[in-house]
PDBML (XML) file of the C-alpha atoms, coordinates in Angstrom:
<?xml version="1.0" encoding="UTF-8" ?>
<PDBx:datablock datablockName="MODEL"
   xmlns:PDBx="http://pdbml.pdb.org/schema/pdbx-v50.xsd"
   xmlns:xsi="http://www.w3.org/2001/XMLSchema-instance"
   xsi:schemaLocation="http://pdbml.pdb.org/schema/pdbx-v50.xsd pdbx-v50.xsd">
   <PDBx:atom_siteCategory>
      <PDBx:atom_site id="1">
         <PDBx:B_iso_or_equiv>0.00</PDBx:B_iso_or_equiv>
         <PDBx:Cartn_x>-195.132</PDBx:Cartn_x>
         <PDBx:Cartn_y>42.577</PDBx:Cartn_y>
         <PDBx:Cartn_z>12.418</PDBx:Cartn_z>
         <PDBx:auth_asym_id>A</PDBx:auth_asym_id>
         <PDBx:auth_atom_id>CA</PDBx:auth_atom_id>
         <PDBx:auth_comp_id>GLU</PDBx:auth_comp_id>
         <PDBx:auth_seq_id>1</PDBx:auth_seq_id>
         <PDBx:group_PDB>ATOM</PDBx:group_PDB>
         <PDBx:label_alt_id xsi:nil="true" />
         <PDBx:label_asym_id>A</PDBx:label_asym_id>
         <PDBx:label_atom_id>CA</PDBx:label_atom_id>
         <PDBx:label_comp_id>GLU</PDBx:label_comp_id>
         <PDBx:label_entity_id>1</PDBx:label_entity_id>
         <PDBx:label_seq_id>1</PDBx:label_seq_id>
         <PDBx:occupancy>1.00</PDBx:occupancy>
         <PDBx:pdbx_PDB_model_num>1</PDBx:pdbx_PDB_model_num>
         <PDBx:type_symbol>C</PDBx:type_symbol>
      </PDBx:atom_site>
      <PDBx:atom_site id="2">
         <PDBx:B_iso_or_equiv>0.00</PDBx:B_iso_or_equiv>
         <PDBx:Cartn_x>-195.874</PDBx:Cartn_x>
         <PDBx:Cartn_y>45.231</PDBx:Cartn_y>
         <PDBx:Cartn_z>14.985</PDBx:Cartn_z>
         <PDBx:auth_asym_id>A</PDBx:auth_asym_id>
         <PDBx:auth_atom_id>CA</PDBx:auth_atom_id>
         <PDBx:auth_comp_id>GLU</PDBx:auth_comp_id>
         <PDBx:auth_seq_id>2</PDBx:auth_seq_id>
         <PDBx:group_PDB>ATOM</PDBx:group_PDB>
         <PDBx:label_alt_id xsi:nil="true" />
         <PDBx:label_asym_id>A</PDBx:label_asym_id>
         <PDBx:label_atom_id>CA</PDBx:label_atom_id>
         <PDBx:label_comp_id>GLU</PDBx:label_comp_id>
         <PDBx:label_entity_id>1</PDBx:label_entity_id>
         <PDBx:label_seq_id>2</PDBx:label_seq_id>
         <PDBx:occupancy>1.00</PDBx:occupancy>
         <PDBx:pdbx_PDB_model_num>1</PDBx:pdbx_PDB_model_num>
         <PDBx:type_symbol>C</PDBx:type_symbol>
      </PDBx:atom_site>
      <PDBx:atom_site id="3">
         <PDBx:B_iso_or_equiv>0.00</PDBx:B_iso_or_equiv>
         <PDBx:Cartn_x>-192.436</PDBx:Cartn_x>
         <PDBx:Cartn_y>44.921</PDBx:Cartn_y>
         <PDBx:Cartn_z>16.583</PDBx:Cartn_z>
         <PDBx:auth_asym_id>A</PDBx:auth_asym_id>
         <PDBx:auth_atom_id>CA</PDBx:auth_atom_id>
         <PDBx:auth_comp_id>ILE</PDBx:auth_comp_id>
         <PDBx:auth_seq_id>3</PDBx:auth_seq_id>
         <PDBx:group_PDB>ATOM</PDBx:group_PDB>
         <PDBx:label_alt_id xsi:nil="true" />
         <PDBx:label_asym_id>A</PDBx:label_asym_id>
         <PDBx:label_atom_id>CA</PDBx:label_atom_id>
         <PDBx:label_comp_id>ILE</PDBx:label_comp_id>
         <PDBx:label_entity_id>1</PDBx:label_entity_id>
         <PDBx:label_seq_id>3</PDBx:label_seq_id>
         <PDBx:occupancy>1.00</PDBx:occupancy>
         <PDBx:pdbx_PDB_model_num>1</PDBx:pdbx_PDB_model_num>
         <PDBx:type_symbol>C</PDBx:type_symbol>
      </PDBx:atom_site>
      <PDBx:atom_site id="4">
         <PDBx:B_iso_or_equiv>0.00</PDBx:B_iso_or_equiv>
         <PDBx:Cartn_x>-190.875</PDBx:Cartn_x>
         <PDBx:Cartn_y>45.057</PDBx:Cartn_y>
         <PDBx:Cartn_z>13.108</PDBx:Cartn_z>
         <PDBx:auth_asym_id>A</PDBx:auth_asym_id>
         <PDBx:auth_atom_id>CA</PDBx:auth_atom_id>
         <PDBx:auth_comp_id>LYS</PDBx:auth_comp_id>
         <PDBx:auth_seq_id>4</PDBx:auth_seq_id>
         <PDBx:group_PDB>ATOM</PDBx:group_PDB>
         <PDBx:label_alt_id xsi:nil="true" />
         <PDBx:label_asym_id>A</PDBx:label_asym_id>
         <PDBx:label_atom_id>CA</PDBx:label_atom_id>
         <PDBx:label_comp_id>LYS</PDBx:label_comp_id>
         <PDBx:label_entity_id>1</PDBx:label_entity_id>
         <PDBx:label_seq_id>4</PDBx:label_seq_id>
         <PDBx:occupancy>1.00</PDBx:occupancy>
         <PDBx:pdbx_PDB_model_num>1</PDBx:pdbx_PDB_model_num>
         <PDBx:type_symbol>C</PDBx:type_symbol>
      </PDBx:atom_site>
      <PDBx:atom_site id="5">
         <PDBx:B_iso_or_equiv>0.00</PDBx:B_iso_or_equiv>
         <PDBx:Cartn_x>-192.699</PDBx:Cartn_x>
         <PDBx:Cartn_y>48.365</PDBx:Cartn_y>
         <PDBx:Cartn_z>12.548</PDBx:Cartn_z>
         <PDBx:auth_asym_id>A</PDBx:auth_asym_id>
         <PDBx:auth_atom_id>CA</PDBx:auth_atom_id>
         <PDBx:auth_comp_id>THR</PDBx:auth_comp_id>
         <PDBx:auth_seq_id>5</PDBx:auth_seq_id>
         <PDBx:group_PDB>ATOM</PDBx:group_PDB>
         <PDBx:label_alt_id xsi:nil="true" />
         <PDBx:label_asym_id>A</PDBx:label_asym_id>
         <PDBx:label_atom_id>CA</PDBx:label_atom_id>
         <PDBx:label_comp_id>THR</PDBx:label_comp_id>
         <PDBx:label_entity_id>1</PDBx:label_entity_id>
         <PDBx:label_seq_id>5</PDBx:label_seq_id>
         <PDBx:occupancy>1.00</PDBx:occupancy>
         <PDBx:pdbx_PDB_model_num>1</PDBx:pdbx_PDB_model_num>
         <PDBx:type_symbol>C</PDBx:type_symbol>
      </PDBx:atom_site>
      <PDBx:atom_site id="6">
         <PDBx:B_iso_or_equiv>0.00</PDBx:B_iso_or_equiv>
         <PDBx:Cartn_x>-191.302</PDBx:Cartn_x>
         <PDBx:Cartn_y>49.786</PDBx:Cartn_y>
         <PDBx:Cartn_z>15.800</PDBx:Cartn_z>
         <PDBx:auth_asym_id>A</PDBx:auth_asym_id>
         <PDBx:auth_atom_id>CA</PDBx:auth_atom_id>
         <PDBx:auth_comp_id>TYR</PDBx:auth_comp_id>
         <PDBx:auth_seq_id>6</PDBx:auth_seq_id>
         <PDBx:group_PDB>ATOM</PDBx:group_PDB>
         <PDBx:label_alt_id xsi:nil="true" />
         <PDBx:label_asym_id>A</PDBx:label_asym_id>
         <PDBx:label_atom_id>CA</PDBx:label_atom_id>
         <PDBx:label_comp_id>TYR</PDBx:label_comp_id>
         <PDBx:label_entity_id>1</PDBx:label_entity_id>
         <PDBx:label_seq_id>6</PDBx:label_seq_id>
         <PDBx:occupancy>1.00</PDBx:occupancy>
         <PDBx:pdbx_PDB_model_num>1</PDBx:pdbx_PDB_model_num>
         <PDBx:type_symbol>C</PDBx:type_symbol>
      </PDBx:atom_site>
      <PDBx:atom_site id="7">
         <PDBx:B_iso_or_equiv>0.00</PDBx:B_iso_or_equiv>
         <PDBx:Cartn_x>-187.820</PDBx:Cartn_x>
         <PDBx:Cartn_y>48.589</PDBx:Cartn_y>
         <PDBx:Cartn_z>14.843</PDBx:Cartn_z>
         <PDBx:auth_asym_id>A</PDBx:auth_asym_id>
         <PDBx:auth_atom_id>CA</PDBx:auth_atom_id>
         <PDBx:auth_comp_id>ARG</PDBx:auth_comp_id>
         <PDBx:auth_seq_id>7</PDBx:auth_seq_id>
         <PDBx:group_PDB>ATOM</PDBx:group_PDB>
         <PDBx:label_alt_id xsi:nil="true" />
         <PDBx:label_asym_id>A</PDBx:label_asym_id>
         <PDBx:label_atom_id>CA</PDBx:label_atom_id>
         <PDBx:label_comp_id>ARG</PDBx:label_comp_id>
         <PDBx:label_entity_id>1</PDBx:label_entity_id>
         <PDBx:label_seq_id>7</PDBx:label_seq_id>
         <PDBx:occupancy>1.00</PDBx:occupancy>
         <PDBx:pdbx_PDB_model_num>1</PDBx:pdbx_PDB_model_num>
         <PDBx:type_symbol>C</PDBx:type_symbol>
      </PDBx:atom_site>
      <PDBx:atom_site id="8">
         <PDBx:B_iso_or_equiv>0.00</PDBx:B_iso_or_equiv>
         <PDBx:Cartn_x>-187.992</PDBx:Cartn_x>
         <PDBx:Cartn_y>50.300</PDBx:Cartn_y>
         <PDBx:Cartn_z>11.439</PDBx:Cartn_z>
         <PDBx:auth_asym_id>A</PDBx:auth_asym_id>
         <PDBx:auth_atom_id>CA</PDBx:auth_atom_id>
         <PDBx:auth_comp_id>ARG</PDBx:auth_comp_id>
         <PDBx:auth_seq_id>8</PDBx:auth_seq_id>
         <PDBx:group_PDB>ATOM</PDBx:group_PDB>
         <PDBx:label_alt_id xsi:nil="true" />
         <PDBx:label_asym_id>A</PDBx:label_asym_id>
         <PDBx:label_atom_id>CA</PDBx:label_atom_id>
         <PDBx:label_comp_id>ARG</PDBx:label_comp_id>
         <PDBx:label_entity_id>1</PDBx:label_entity_id>
         <PDBx:label_seq_id>8</PDBx:label_seq_id>
         <PDBx:occupancy>1.00</PDBx:occupancy>
         <PDBx:pdbx_PDB_model_num>1</PDBx:pdbx_PDB_model_num>
         <PDBx:type_symbol>C</PDBx:type_symbol>
      </PDBx:atom_site>
      <PDBx:atom_site id="9">
         <PDBx:B_iso_or_equiv>0.00</PDBx:B_iso_or_equiv>
         <PDBx:Cartn_x>-189.127</PDBx:Cartn_x>
         <PDBx:Cartn_y>53.549</PDBx:Cartn_y>
         <PDBx:Cartn_z>13.013</PDBx:Cartn_z>
         <PDBx:auth_asym_id>A</PDBx:auth_asym_id>
         <PDBx:auth_atom_id>CA</PDBx:auth_atom_id>
         <PDBx:auth_comp_id>LEU</PDBx:auth_comp_id>
         <PDBx:auth_seq_id>9</PDBx:auth_seq_id>
         <PDBx:group_PDB>ATOM</PDBx:group_PDB>
         <PDBx:label_alt_id xsi:nil="true" />
         <PDBx:label_asym_id>A</PDBx:label_asym_id>
         <PDBx:label_atom_id>CA</PDBx:label_atom_id>
         <PDBx:label_comp_id>LEU</PDBx:label_comp_id>
         <PDBx:label_entity_id>1</PDBx:label_entity_id>
         <PDBx:label_seq_id>9</PDBx:label_seq_id>
         <PDBx:occupancy>1.00</PDBx:occupancy>
         <PDBx:pdbx_PDB_model_num>1</PDBx:pdbx_PDB_model_num>
         <PDBx:type_symbol>C</PDBx:type_symbol>
      </PDBx:atom_site>
      <PDBx:atom_site id="10">
         <PDBx:B_iso_or_equiv>0.00</PDBx:B_iso_or_equiv>
         <PDBx:Cartn_x>-186.499</PDBx:Cartn_x>
         <PDBx:Cartn_y>53.604</PDBx:Cartn_y>
         <PDBx:Cartn_z>15.754</PDBx:Cartn_z>
         <PDBx:auth_asym_id>A</PDBx:auth_asym_id>
         <PDBx:auth_atom_id>CA</PDBx:auth_atom_id>
         <PDBx:auth_comp_id>VAL</PDBx:auth_comp_id>
         <PDBx:auth_seq_id>10</PDBx:auth_seq_id>
         <PDBx:group_PDB>ATOM</PDBx:group_PDB>
         <PDBx:label_alt_id xsi:nil="true" />
         <PDBx:label_asym_id>A</PDBx:label_asym_id>
         <PDBx:label_atom_id>CA</PDBx:label_atom_id>
         <PDBx:label_comp_id>VAL</PDBx:label_comp_id>
         <PDBx:label_entity_id>1</PDBx:label_entity_id>
         <PDBx:label_seq_id>10</PDBx:label_seq_id>
         <PDBx:occupancy>1.00</PDBx:occupancy>
         <PDBx:pdbx_PDB_model_num>1</PDBx:pdbx_PDB_model_num>
         <PDBx:type_symbol>C</PDBx:type_symbol>
      </PDBx:atom_site>
      <PDBx:atom_site id="11">
         <PDBx:B_iso_or_equiv>0.00</PDBx:B_iso_or_equiv>
         <PDBx:Cartn_x>-183.480</PDBx:Cartn_x>
         <PDBx:Cartn_y>52.153</PDBx:Cartn_y>
         <PDBx:Cartn_z>13.979</PDBx:Cartn_z>
         <PDBx:auth_asym_id>A</PDBx:auth_asym_id>
         <PDBx:auth_atom_id>CA</PDBx:auth_atom_id>
         <PDBx:auth_comp_id>GLU</PDBx:auth_comp_id>
         <PDBx:auth_seq_id>11</PDBx:auth_seq_id>
         <PDBx:group_PDB>ATOM</PDBx:group_PDB>
         <PDBx:label_alt_id xsi:nil="true" />
         <PDBx:label_asym_id>A</PDBx:label_asym_id>
         <PDBx:label_atom_id>CA</PDBx:label_atom_id>
         <PDBx:label_comp_id>GLU</PDBx:label_comp_id>
         <PDBx:label_entity_id>1</PDBx:label_entity_id>
         <PDBx:label_seq_id>11</PDBx:label_seq_id>
         <PDBx:occupancy>1.00</PDBx:occupancy>
         <PDBx:pdbx_PDB_model_num>1</PDBx:pdbx_PDB_model_num>
         <PDBx:type_symbol>C</PDBx:type_symbol>
      </PDBx:atom_site>
      <PDBx:atom_site id="12">
         <PDBx:B_iso_or_equiv>0.00</PDBx:B_iso_or_equiv>
         <PDBx:Cartn_x>-184.229</PDBx:Cartn_x>
         <PDBx:Cartn_y>54.111</PDBx:Cartn_y>
         <PDBx:Cartn_z>10.799</PDBx:Cartn_z>
         <PDBx:auth_asym_id>A</PDBx:auth_asym_id>
         <PDBx:auth_atom_id>CA</PDBx:auth_atom_id>
         <PDBx:auth_comp_id>GLY</PDBx:auth_comp_id>
         <PDBx:auth_seq_id>12</PDBx:auth_seq_id>
         <PDBx:group_PDB>ATOM</PDBx:group_PDB>
         <PDBx:label_alt_id xsi:nil="true" />
         <PDBx:label_asym_id>A</PDBx:label_asym_id>
         <PDBx:label_atom_id>CA</PDBx:label_atom_id>
         <PDBx:label_comp_id>GLY</PDBx:label_comp_id>
         <PDBx:label_entity_id>1</PDBx:label_entity_id>
         <PDBx:label_seq_id>12</PDBx:label_seq_id>
         <PDBx:occupancy>1.00</PDBx:occupancy>
         <PDBx:pdbx_PDB_model_num>1</PDBx:pdbx_PDB_model_num>
         <PDBx:type_symbol>C</PDBx:type_symbol>
      </PDBx:atom_site>
      <PDBx:atom_site id="13">
         <PDBx:B_iso_or_equiv>0.00</PDBx:B_iso_or_equiv>
         <PDBx:Cartn_x>-184.567</PDBx:Cartn_x>
         <PDBx:Cartn_y>57.327</PDBx:Cartn_y>
         <PDBx:Cartn_z>12.825</PDBx:Cartn_z>
         <PDBx:auth_asym_id>A</PDBx:auth_asym_id>
         <PDBx:auth_atom_id>CA</PDBx:auth_atom_id>
         <PDBx:auth_comp_id>ARG</PDBx:auth_comp_id>
         <PDBx:auth_seq_id>13</PDBx:auth_seq_id>
         <PDBx:group_PDB>ATOM</PDBx:group_PDB>
         <PDBx:label_alt_id xsi:nil="true" />
         <PDBx:label_asym_id>A</PDBx:label_asym_id>
         <PDBx:label_atom_id>CA</PDBx:label_atom_id>
         <PDBx:label_comp_id>ARG</PDBx:label_comp_id>
         <PDBx:label_entity_id>1</PDBx:label_entity_id>
         <PDBx:label_seq_id>13</PDBx:label_seq_id>
         <PDBx:occupancy>1.00</PDBx:occupancy>
         <PDBx:pdbx_PDB_model_num>1</PDBx:pdbx_PDB_model_num>
         <PDBx:type_symbol>C</PDBx:type_symbol>
      </PDBx:atom_site>
      <PDBx:atom_site id="14">
         <PDBx:B_iso_or_equiv>0.00</PDBx:B_iso_or_equiv>
         <PDBx:Cartn_x>-187.942</PDBx:Cartn_x>
         <PDBx:Cartn_y>58.008</PDBx:Cartn_y>
         <PDBx:Cartn_z>11.238</PDBx:Cartn_z>
         <PDBx:auth_asym_id>A</PDBx:auth_asym_id>
         <PDBx:auth_atom_id>CA</PDBx:auth_atom_id>
         <PDBx:auth_comp_id>ARG</PDBx:auth_comp_id>
         <PDBx:auth_seq_id>14</PDBx:auth_seq_id>
         <PDBx:group_PDB>ATOM</PDBx:group_PDB>
         <PDBx:label_alt_id xsi:nil="true" />
         <PDBx:label_asym_id>A</PDBx:label_asym_id>
         <PDBx:label_atom_id>CA</PDBx:label_atom_id>
         <PDBx:label_comp_id>ARG</PDBx:label_comp_id>
         <PDBx:label_entity_id>1</PDBx:label_entity_id>
         <PDBx:label_seq_id>14</PDBx:label_seq_id>
         <PDBx:occupancy>1.00</PDBx:occupancy>
         <PDBx:pdbx_PDB_model_num>1</PDBx:pdbx_PDB_model_num>
         <PDBx:type_symbol>C</PDBx:type_symbol>
      </PDBx:atom_site>
      <PDBx:atom_site id="15">
         <PDBx:B_iso_or_equiv>0.00</PDBx:B_iso_or_equiv>
         <PDBx:Cartn_x>-189.521</PDBx:Cartn_x>
         <PDBx:Cartn_y>59.499</PDBx:Cartn_y>
         <PDBx:Cartn_z>14.349</PDBx:Cartn_z>
         <PDBx:auth_asym_id>A</PDBx:auth_asym_id>
         <PDBx:auth_atom_id>CA</PDBx:auth_atom_id>
         <PDBx:auth_comp_id>THR</PDBx:auth_comp_id>
         <PDBx:auth_seq_id>15</PDBx:auth_seq_id>
         <PDBx:group_PDB>ATOM</PDBx:group_PDB>
         <PDBx:label_alt_id xsi:nil="true" />
         <PDBx:label_asym_id>A</PDBx:label_asym_id>
         <PDBx:label_atom_id>CA</PDBx:label_atom_id>
         <PDBx:label_comp_id>THR</PDBx:label_comp_id>
         <PDBx:label_entity_id>1</PDBx:label_entity_id>
         <PDBx:label_seq_id>15</PDBx:label_seq_id>
         <PDBx:occupancy>1.00</PDBx:occupancy>
         <PDBx:pdbx_PDB_model_num>1</PDBx:pdbx_PDB_model_num>
         <PDBx:type_symbol>C</PDBx:type_symbol>
      </PDBx:atom_site>
      <PDBx:atom_site id="16">
         <PDBx:B_iso_or_equiv>0.00</PDBx:B_iso_or_equiv>
         <PDBx:Cartn_x>-188.495</PDBx:Cartn_x>
         <PDBx:Cartn_y>61.271</PDBx:Cartn_y>
         <PDBx:Cartn_z>17.560</PDBx:Cartn_z>
         <PDBx:auth_asym_id>A</PDBx:auth_asym_id>
         <PDBx:auth_atom_id>CA</PDBx:auth_atom_id>
         <PDBx:auth_comp_id>ASP</PDBx:auth_comp_id>
         <PDBx:auth_seq_id>16</PDBx:auth_seq_id>
         <PDBx:group_PDB>ATOM</PDBx:group_PDB>
         <PDBx:label_alt_id xsi:nil="true" />
         <PDBx:label_asym_id>A</PDBx:label_asym_id>
         <PDBx:label_atom_id>CA</PDBx:label_atom_id>
         <PDBx:label_comp_id>ASP</PDBx:label_comp_id>
         <PDBx:label_entity_id>1</PDBx:label_entity_id>
         <PDBx:label_seq_id>16</PDBx:label_seq_id>
         <PDBx:occupancy>1.00</PDBx:occupancy>
         <PDBx:pdbx_PDB_model_num>1</PDBx:pdbx_PDB_model_num>
         <PDBx:type_symbol>C</PDBx:type_symbol>
      </PDBx:atom_site>
      <PDBx:atom_site id="17">
         <PDBx:B_iso_or_equiv>0.00</PDBx:B_iso_or_equiv>
         <PDBx:Cartn_x>-190.958</PDBx:Cartn_x>
         <PDBx:Cartn_y>59.536</PDBx:Cartn_y>
         <PDBx:Cartn_z>19.855</PDBx:Cartn_z>
         <PDBx:auth_asym_id>A</PDBx:auth_asym_id>
         <PDBx:auth_atom_id>CA</PDBx:auth_atom_id>
         <PDBx:auth_comp_id>GLY</PDBx:auth_comp_id>
         <PDBx:auth_seq_id>17</PDBx:auth_seq_id>
         <PDBx:group_PDB>ATOM</PDBx:group_PDB>
         <PDBx:label_alt_id xsi:nil="true" />
         <PDBx:label_asym_id>A</PDBx:label_asym_id>
         <PDBx:label_atom_id>CA</PDBx:label_atom_id>
         <PDBx:label_comp_id>GLY</PDBx:label_comp_id>
         <PDBx:label_entity_id>1</PDBx:label_entity_id>
         <PDBx:label_seq_id>17</PDBx:label_seq_id>
         <PDBx:occupancy>1.00</PDBx:occupancy>
         <PDBx:pdbx_PDB_model_num>1</PDBx:pdbx_PDB_model_num>
         <PDBx:type_symbol>C</PDBx:type_symbol>
      </PDBx:atom_site>
      <PDBx:atom_site id="18">
         <PDBx:B_iso_or_equiv>0.00</PDBx:B_iso_or_equiv>
         <PDBx:Cartn_x>-193.734</PDBx:Cartn_x>
         <PDBx:Cartn_y>56.952</PDBx:Cartn_y>
         <PDBx:Cartn_z>19.989</PDBx:Cartn_z>
         <PDBx:auth_asym_id>A</PDBx:auth_asym_id>
         <PDBx:auth_atom_id>CA</PDBx:auth_atom_id>
         <PDBx:auth_comp_id>LEU</PDBx:auth_comp_id>
         <PDBx:auth_seq_id>18</PDBx:auth_seq_id>
         <PDBx:group_PDB>ATOM</PDBx:group_PDB>
         <PDBx:label_alt_id xsi:nil="true" />
         <PDBx:label_asym_id>A</PDBx:label_asym_id>
         <PDBx:label_atom_id>CA</PDBx:label_atom_id>
         <PDBx:label_comp_id>LEU</PDBx:label_comp_id>
         <PDBx:label_entity_id>1</PDBx:label_entity_id>
         <PDBx:label_seq_id>18</PDBx:label_seq_id>
         <PDBx:occupancy>1.00</PDBx:occupancy>
         <PDBx:pdbx_PDB_model_num>1</PDBx:pdbx_PDB_model_num>
         <PDBx:type_symbol>C</PDBx:type_symbol>
      </PDBx:atom_site>
      <PDBx:atom_site id="19">
         <PDBx:B_iso_or_equiv>0.00</PDBx:B_iso_or_equiv>
         <PDBx:Cartn_x>-197.200</PDBx:Cartn_x>
         <PDBx:Cartn_y>56.753</PDBx:Cartn_y>
         <PDBx:Cartn_z>21.536</PDBx:Cartn_z>
         <PDBx:auth_asym_id>A</PDBx:auth_asym_id>
         <PDBx:auth_atom_id>CA</PDBx:auth_atom_id>
         <PDBx:auth_comp_id>ILE</PDBx:auth_comp_id>
         <PDBx:auth_seq_id>19</PDBx:auth_seq_id>
         <PDBx:group_PDB>ATOM</PDBx:group_PDB>
         <PDBx:label_alt_id xsi:nil="true" />
         <PDBx:label_asym_id>A</PDBx:label_asym_id>
         <PDBx:label_atom_id>CA</PDBx:label_atom_id>
         <PDBx:label_comp_id>ILE</PDBx:label_comp_id>
         <PDBx:label_entity_id>1</PDBx:label_entity_id>
         <PDBx:label_seq_id>19</PDBx:label_seq_id>
         <PDBx:occupancy>1.00</PDBx:occupancy>
         <PDBx:pdbx_PDB_model_num>1</PDBx:pdbx_PDB_model_num>
         <PDBx:type_symbol>C</PDBx:type_symbol>
      </PDBx:atom_site>
      <PDBx:atom_site id="20">
         <PDBx:B_iso_or_equiv>0.00</PDBx:B_iso_or_equiv>
         <PDBx:Cartn_x>-198.184</PDBx:Cartn_x>
         <PDBx:Cartn_y>53.202</PDBx:Cartn_y>
         <PDBx:Cartn_z>22.485</PDBx:Cartn_z>
         <PDBx:auth_asym_id>A</PDBx:auth_asym_id>
         <PDBx:auth_atom_id>CA</PDBx:auth_atom_id>
         <PDBx:auth_comp_id>VAL</PDBx:auth_comp_id>
         <PDBx:auth_seq_id>20</PDBx:auth_seq_id>
         <PDBx:group_PDB>ATOM</PDBx:group_PDB>
         <PDBx:label_alt_id xsi:nil="true" />
         <PDBx:label_asym_id>A</PDBx:label_asym_id>
         <PDBx:label_atom_id>CA</PDBx:label_atom_id>
         <PDBx:label_comp_id>VAL</PDBx:label_comp_id>
         <PDBx:label_entity_id>1</PDBx:label_entity_id>
         <PDBx:label_seq_id>20</PDBx:label_seq_id>
         <PDBx:occupancy>1.00</PDBx:occupancy>
         <PDBx:pdbx_PDB_model_num>1</PDBx:pdbx_PDB_model_num>
         <PDBx:type_symbol>C</PDBx:type_symbol>
      </PDBx:atom_site>
      <PDBx:atom_site id="21">
         <PDBx:B_iso_or_equiv>0.00</PDBx:B_iso_or_equiv>
         <PDBx:Cartn_x>-201.901</PDBx:Cartn_x>
         <PDBx:Cartn_y>52.419</PDBx:Cartn_y>
         <PDBx:Cartn_z>22.738</PDBx:Cartn_z>
         <PDBx:auth_asym_id>A</PDBx:auth_asym_id>
         <PDBx:auth_atom_id>CA</PDBx:auth_atom_id>
         <PDBx:auth_comp_id>VAL</PDBx:auth_comp_id>
         <PDBx:auth_seq_id>21</PDBx:auth_seq_id>
         <PDBx:group_PDB>ATOM</PDBx:group_PDB>
         <PDBx:label_alt_id xsi:nil="true" />
         <PDBx:label_asym_id>A</PDBx:label_asym_id>
         <PDBx:label_atom_id>CA</PDBx:label_atom_id>
         <PDBx:label_comp_id>VAL</PDBx:label_comp_id>
         <PDBx:label_entity_id>1</PDBx:label_entity_id>
         <PDBx:label_seq_id>21</PDBx:label_seq_id>
         <PDBx:occupancy>1.00</PDBx:occupancy>
         <PDBx:pdbx_PDB_model_num>1</PDBx:pdbx_PDB_model_num>
         <PDBx:type_symbol>C</PDBx:type_symbol>
      </PDBx:atom_site>
      <PDBx:atom_site id="22">
         <PDBx:B_iso_or_equiv>0.00</PDBx:B_iso_or_equiv>
         <PDBx:Cartn_x>-203.995</PDBx:Cartn_x>
         <PDBx:Cartn_y>49.359</PDBx:Cartn_y>
         <PDBx:Cartn_z>23.614</PDBx:Cartn_z>
         <PDBx:auth_asym_id>A</PDBx:auth_asym_id>
         <PDBx:auth_atom_id>CA</PDBx:auth_atom_id>
         <PDBx:auth_comp_id>ARG</PDBx:auth_comp_id>
         <PDBx:auth_seq_id>22</PDBx:auth_seq_id>
         <PDBx:group_PDB>ATOM</PDBx:group_PDB>
         <PDBx:label_alt_id xsi:nil="true" />
         <PDBx:label_asym_id>A</PDBx:label_asym_id>
         <PDBx:label_atom_id>CA</PDBx:label_atom_id>
         <PDBx:label_comp_id>ARG</PDBx:label_comp_id>
         <PDBx:label_entity_id>1</PDBx:label_entity_id>
         <PDBx:label_seq_id>22</PDBx:label_seq_id>
         <PDBx:occupancy>1.00</PDBx:occupancy>
         <PDBx:pdbx_PDB_model_num>1</PDBx:pdbx_PDB_model_num>
         <PDBx:type_symbol>C</PDBx:type_symbol>
      </PDBx:atom_site>
      <PDBx:atom_site id="23">
         <PDBx:B_iso_or_equiv>0.00</PDBx:B_iso_or_equiv>
         <PDBx:Cartn_x>-201.471</PDBx:Cartn_x>
         <PDBx:Cartn_y>48.332</PDBx:Cartn_y>
         <PDBx:Cartn_z>26.228</PDBx:Cartn_z>
         <PDBx:auth_asym_id>A</PDBx:auth_asym_id>
         <PDBx:auth_atom_id>CA</PDBx:auth_atom_id>
         <PDBx:auth_comp_id>THR</PDBx:auth_comp_id>
         <PDBx:auth_seq_id>23</PDBx:auth_seq_id>
         <PDBx:group_PDB>ATOM</PDBx:group_PDB>
         <PDBx:label_alt_id xsi:nil="true" />
         <PDBx:label_asym_id>A</PDBx:label_asym_id>
         <PDBx:label_atom_id>CA</PDBx:label_atom_id>
         <PDBx:label_comp_id>THR</PDBx:label_comp_id>
         <PDBx:label_entity_id>1</PDBx:label_entity_id>
         <PDBx:label_seq_id>23</PDBx:label_seq_id>
         <PDBx:occupancy>1.00</PDBx:occupancy>
         <PDBx:pdbx_PDB_model_num>1</PDBx:pdbx_PDB_model_num>
         <PDBx:type_symbol>C</PDBx:type_symbol>
      </PDBx:atom_site>
      <PDBx:atom_site id="24">
         <PDBx:B_iso_or_equiv>0.00</PDBx:B_iso_or_equiv>
         <PDBx:Cartn_x>-201.263</PDBx:Cartn_x>
         <PDBx:Cartn_y>44.673</PDBx:Cartn_y>
         <PDBx:Cartn_z>27.171</PDBx:Cartn_z>
         <PDBx:auth_asym_id>A</PDBx:auth_asym_id>
         <PDBx:auth_atom_id>CA</PDBx:auth_atom_id>
         <PDBx:auth_comp_id>ARG</PDBx:auth_comp_id>
         <PDBx:auth_seq_id>24</PDBx:auth_seq_id>
         <PDBx:group_PDB>ATOM</PDBx:group_PDB>
         <PDBx:label_alt_id xsi:nil="true" />
         <PDBx:label_asym_id>A</PDBx:label_asym_id>
         <PDBx:label_atom_id>CA</PDBx:label_atom_id>
         <PDBx:label_comp_id>ARG</PDBx:label_comp_id>
         <PDBx:label_entity_id>1</PDBx:label_entity_id>
         <PDBx:label_seq_id>24</PDBx:label_seq_id>
         <PDBx:occupancy>1.00</PDBx:occupancy>
         <PDBx:pdbx_PDB_model_num>1</PDBx:pdbx_PDB_model_num>
         <PDBx:type_symbol>C</PDBx:type_symbol>
      </PDBx:atom_site>
      <PDBx:atom_site id="25">
         <PDBx:B_iso_or_equiv>0.00</PDBx:B_iso_or_equiv>
         <PDBx:Cartn_x>-200.345</PDBx:Cartn_x>
         <PDBx:Cartn_y>43.189</PDBx:Cartn_y>
         <PDBx:Cartn_z>30.508</PDBx:Cartn_z>
         <PDBx:auth_asym_id>A</PDBx:auth_asym_id>
         <PDBx:auth_atom_id>CA</PDBx:auth_atom_id>
         <PDBx:auth_comp_id>ARG</PDBx:auth_comp_id>
         <PDBx:auth_seq_id>25</PDBx:auth_seq_id>
         <PDBx:group_PDB>ATOM</PDBx:group_PDB>
         <PDBx:label_alt_id xsi:nil="true" />
         <PDBx:label_asym_id>A</PDBx:label_asym_id>
         <PDBx:label_atom_id>CA</PDBx:label_atom_id>
         <PDBx:label_comp_id>ARG</PDBx:label_comp_id>
         <PDBx:label_entity_id>1</PDBx:label_entity_id>
         <PDBx:label_seq_id>25</PDBx:label_seq_id>
         <PDBx:occupancy>1.00</PDBx:occupancy>
         <PDBx:pdbx_PDB_model_num>1</PDBx:pdbx_PDB_model_num>
         <PDBx:type_symbol>C</PDBx:type_symbol>
      </PDBx:atom_site>
   </PDBx:atom_siteCategory>
</PDBx:datablock>
């Protein structure tokens, strides 16, 4: 679901940039 959220934001041009937190290895 998280990747789907990123896809909607990027492909729908809903934001100019993203901040990724709680990074995983």
